[in-house]
Amino acid sequence: MAVRASSQPVDLIDLTDGYSVIMTNDNVTFLGTTNSVNGTQTATAKIMALCGSEQVSCTVGTISTPTGISAVSDGKTPEPTITITATSALKTSGSFVIPVLIGDITINKVFSYAI
């Protein structure tokens, strides 16, 4: 990331070095009733980080999910895959945040789910 000089006592970030995160899947509907999932179901989402048009390596931080759903990264770089698993303990639709780490920068991606 480029840092530009300034007469002010702060570092300015060159926004041409902006990052974006792309997920192959950022929402899923699990089969079930309005208050529980039928059995155990899974979905996956592959993540790719870009700096401008250049792909950069990323990892996934700790993901917090509601009761009845789990999200686990395969730990691979530069493109980690998240496996999202829902069980019958999942009672409502909602969302959770997947923290994508690019060096010292964290980009929070929202993953939505419905029953």
Protein backbone atom coordinates (compact mmCIF):
# COMPACT_ATOMS: atom_id res chain seq x y z
CA MET A 1 0.00 0.00 0.00
CA ALA A 2 1.38 3.39 -0.91
CA VAL A 3 1.78 6.02 1.81
CA ARG A 4 2.07 9.62 0.69
CA ALA A 5 3.89 12.39 2.53
CA SER A 6 1.94 15.28 4.00
CA SER A 7 2.78 18.49 5.85
CA GLN A 8 0.32 17.29 8.48
CA PRO A 9 1.49 14.87 11.22
CA VAL A 10 -0.51 11.95 9.75
CA ASP A 11 0.04 9.34 7.05
CA LEU A 12 -2.28 9.53 4.07
CA ILE A 13 -3.34 6.32 2.33
CA ASP A 14 -3.33 6.29 -1.46
CA LEU A 15 -6.83 5.05 -2.33
CA THR A 16 -5.64 3.72 -5.68
CA ASP A 17 -4.34 0.82 -3.57
CA GLY A 18 -7.86 0.01 -2.36
CA TYR A 19 -8.76 -3.59 -1.59
CA SER A 20 -11.89 -5.49 -2.53
CA VAL A 21 -13.03 -8.97 -1.53
CA ILE A 22 -15.07 -11.24 -3.77
CA MET A 23 -16.98 -14.28 -2.50
CA THR A 24 -18.42 -16.96 -4.78
CA ASN A 25 -21.41 -17.21 -2.47
CA ASP A 26 -22.48 -14.62 0.12
CA ASN A 27 -25.93 -15.95 0.95
CA VAL A 28 -27.71 -19.29 1.13
CA THR A 29 -31.18 -20.64 1.85
CA PHE A 30 -31.26 -23.84 3.89
CA LEU A 31 -34.17 -26.26 3.46
CA GLY A 32 -36.51 -26.46 6.41
CA THR A 33 -39.47 -24.84 8.09
CA THR A 34 -39.72 -21.29 9.36
CA ASN A 35 -38.16 -22.34 12.67
CA SER A 36 -35.58 -25.08 11.96
CA VAL A 37 -33.34 -26.58 9.29
CA ASN A 38 -34.03 -30.10 8.00
CA GLY A 39 -31.09 -32.14 9.32
CA THR A 40 -27.54 -30.93 8.65
CA GLN A 41 -26.82 -28.92 5.49
CA THR A 42 -23.66 -27.30 4.15
CA ALA A 43 -22.68 -24.58 1.69
CA THR A 44 -19.29 -23.24 0.63
CA ALA A 45 -17.90 -19.84 -0.32
CA LYS A 46 -14.50 -19.25 -1.95
CA ILE A 47 -12.85 -15.91 -1.18
CA MET A 48 -10.56 -13.84 -3.40
CA ALA A 49 -8.96 -10.51 -2.45
CA LEU A 50 -7.94 -7.88 -4.99
CA CYS A 51 -5.80 -4.76 -4.78
CA GLY A 52 -7.05 -2.83 -7.77
CA SER A 53 -7.08 -5.55 -10.44
CA GLU A 54 -4.24 -7.61 -8.89
CA GLN A 55 -5.05 -10.69 -6.80
CA VAL A 56 -3.46 -10.64 -3.33
CA SER A 57 -3.17 -13.32 -0.68
CA CYS A 58 -5.73 -13.34 2.12
CA THR A 59 -6.68 -15.44 5.13
CA VAL A 60 -9.78 -15.64 7.31
CA GLY A 61 -9.95 -14.49 10.93
CA THR A 62 -12.11 -15.89 13.71
CA ILE A 63 -15.75 -16.18 12.63
CA SER A 64 -18.53 -15.83 15.23
CA THR A 65 -21.81 -17.48 14.28
CA PRO A 66 -25.20 -17.95 15.95
CA THR A 67 -26.32 -21.19 17.56
CA GLY A 68 -27.00 -23.88 14.95
CA ILE A 69 -24.56 -22.62 12.33
CA SER A 70 -20.80 -22.92 11.96
CA ALA A 71 -18.36 -21.44 9.47
CA VAL A 72 -14.84 -22.87 9.10
CA SER A 73 -12.02 -21.82 6.77
CA ASP A 74 -9.82 -24.40 5.06
CA GLY A 75 -6.83 -22.17 5.92
CA LYS A 76 -5.55 -22.07 2.36
CA THR A 77 -4.05 -19.00 0.70
CA PRO A 78 -4.34 -17.05 -1.52
CA GLU A 79 -7.99 -18.17 -1.90
CA PRO A 80 -9.49 -19.66 1.27
CA THR A 81 -12.77 -21.56 1.15
CA ILE A 82 -15.34 -21.27 3.95
CA THR A 83 -17.65 -24.21 4.73
CA ILE A 84 -20.92 -23.12 6.33
CA THR A 85 -22.88 -25.83 8.15
CA ALA A 86 -26.41 -25.48 9.51
CA THR A 87 -28.07 -27.95 11.88
CA SER A 88 -31.62 -28.33 13.16
CA ALA A 89 -30.62 -26.08 16.10
CA LEU A 90 -30.72 -23.11 13.71
CA LYS A 91 -34.05 -21.42 14.43
CA THR A 92 -33.97 -18.12 12.49
CA SER A 93 -32.66 -16.51 9.33
CA GLY A 94 -29.91 -13.92 9.70
CA SER A 95 -26.31 -13.11 8.90
CA PHE A 96 -22.79 -13.16 10.32
CA VAL A 97 -19.47 -11.51 9.48
CA ILE A 98 -16.49 -13.23 7.83
CA PRO A 99 -13.31 -11.25 8.65
CA VAL A 100 -11.01 -11.41 5.61
CA LEU A 101 -7.40 -10.54 6.52
CA ILE A 102 -5.08 -8.93 3.98
CA GLY A 103 -1.86 -8.23 5.85
CA ASP A 104 -2.79 -5.78 8.64
CA ILE A 105 -6.12 -4.88 7.03
CA THR A 106 -9.41 -6.61 7.88
CA ILE A 107 -12.35 -6.45 5.50
CA ASN A 108 -15.59 -7.72 7.03
CA LYS A 109 -17.81 -9.57 4.56
CA VAL A 110 -21.39 -10.32 5.52
CA PHE A 111 -22.77 -13.80 4.84
CA SER A 112 -26.58 -14.05 4.94
CA TYR A 113 -28.64 -17.18 5.45
CA ALA A 114 -32.32 -18.02 5.45
CA ILE A 115 -34.47 -21.01 6.29
